[in-house]
Amino acid sequence: MDADSLKVLEIIEDQFSGSLPFTDKADPEIIKREFSMSKNAFKRAVGHLLKEGKVKITENKIEVIN
């Protein structure tokens, strides 16, 4: 897992109790504020997590799969 993916996973688990209240389609400013990364970097990281089966994306949120 790359550094951005690990960072996103840790933040979702630690700061959002495993459920991020927005998706990768969120405003770039929200992503920058919460993750200190660009929207493109965030989307890549979430994509890696999705492929690895670590998260699932619903209509309104990203959830960690345990």
Protein backbone atom coordinates (compact mmCIF):
# COMPACT_ATOMS: atom_id res chain seq x y z
CA MET A 1 0.00 0.00 0.00
CA ASP A 2 1.41 3.41 -0.89
CA ALA A 3 1.86 6.26 1.61
CA ASP A 4 -1.23 8.23 0.50
CA SER A 5 -3.49 5.20 0.72
CA LEU A 6 -2.21 4.41 4.20
CA LYS A 7 -2.70 8.03 5.28
CA VAL A 8 -6.29 8.10 3.95
CA LEU A 9 -7.13 4.79 5.63
CA GLU A 10 -5.69 5.91 8.97
CA ILE A 11 -7.53 9.25 8.90
CA ILE A 12 -10.86 7.61 8.04
CA GLU A 13 -10.42 5.09 10.86
CA ASP A 14 -9.07 7.49 13.50
CA GLN A 15 -10.85 10.77 12.84
CA PHE A 16 -14.09 9.58 11.25
CA SER A 17 -14.69 6.28 13.11
CA GLY A 18 -14.39 4.28 9.89
CA SER A 19 -16.98 6.19 7.85
CA LEU A 20 -16.04 9.28 5.86
CA PRO A 21 -19.12 11.52 5.41
CA PHE A 22 -18.23 12.36 1.79
CA THR A 23 -16.90 10.58 -1.29
CA ASP A 24 -14.09 11.17 -3.76
CA LYS A 25 -16.45 13.54 -5.59
CA ALA A 26 -16.27 16.06 -2.71
CA ASP A 27 -15.11 19.63 -3.16
CA PRO A 28 -11.30 19.81 -3.50
CA GLU A 29 -11.12 22.25 -0.56
CA ILE A 30 -12.78 19.73 1.78
CA ILE A 31 -10.31 17.05 0.72
CA LYS A 32 -7.37 19.45 1.13
CA ARG A 33 -8.58 20.48 4.62
CA GLU A 34 -9.15 16.93 5.90
CA PHE A 35 -6.29 15.06 4.21
CA SER A 36 -3.71 17.71 3.24
CA MET A 37 -3.55 16.34 -0.30
CA SER A 38 -4.90 17.20 -3.71
CA LYS A 39 -8.18 15.77 -4.95
CA ASN A 40 -6.27 13.74 -7.57
CA ALA A 41 -3.96 12.22 -4.95
CA PHE A 42 -6.98 11.45 -2.75
CA LYS A 43 -8.83 9.77 -5.64
CA ARG A 44 -5.77 7.64 -6.46
CA ALA A 45 -5.41 6.63 -2.80
CA VAL A 46 -9.10 5.73 -2.49
CA GLY A 47 -8.86 3.79 -5.76
CA HIS A 48 -6.01 1.69 -4.37
CA LEU A 49 -7.96 1.06 -1.16
CA LEU A 50 -11.01 0.07 -3.19
CA LYS A 51 -9.01 -2.40 -5.30
CA GLU A 52 -7.49 -3.93 -2.17
CA GLY A 53 -10.93 -4.35 -0.61
CA LYS A 54 -10.14 -2.04 2.31
CA VAL A 55 -13.00 0.42 1.68
CA LYS A 56 -16.35 0.60 -0.05
CA ILE A 57 -17.93 3.67 -1.58
CA THR A 58 -21.63 4.31 -1.26
CA GLU A 59 -23.60 7.23 -2.62
CA ASN A 60 -22.73 9.55 0.27
CA LYS A 61 -19.72 8.11 2.06
CA ILE A 62 -16.59 5.99 2.07
CA GLU A 63 -16.55 3.20 4.65
CA VAL A 64 -13.70 1.04 5.91
CA ILE A 65 -14.35 -2.68 5.50
CA ASN A 66 -13.28 -4.70 8.54
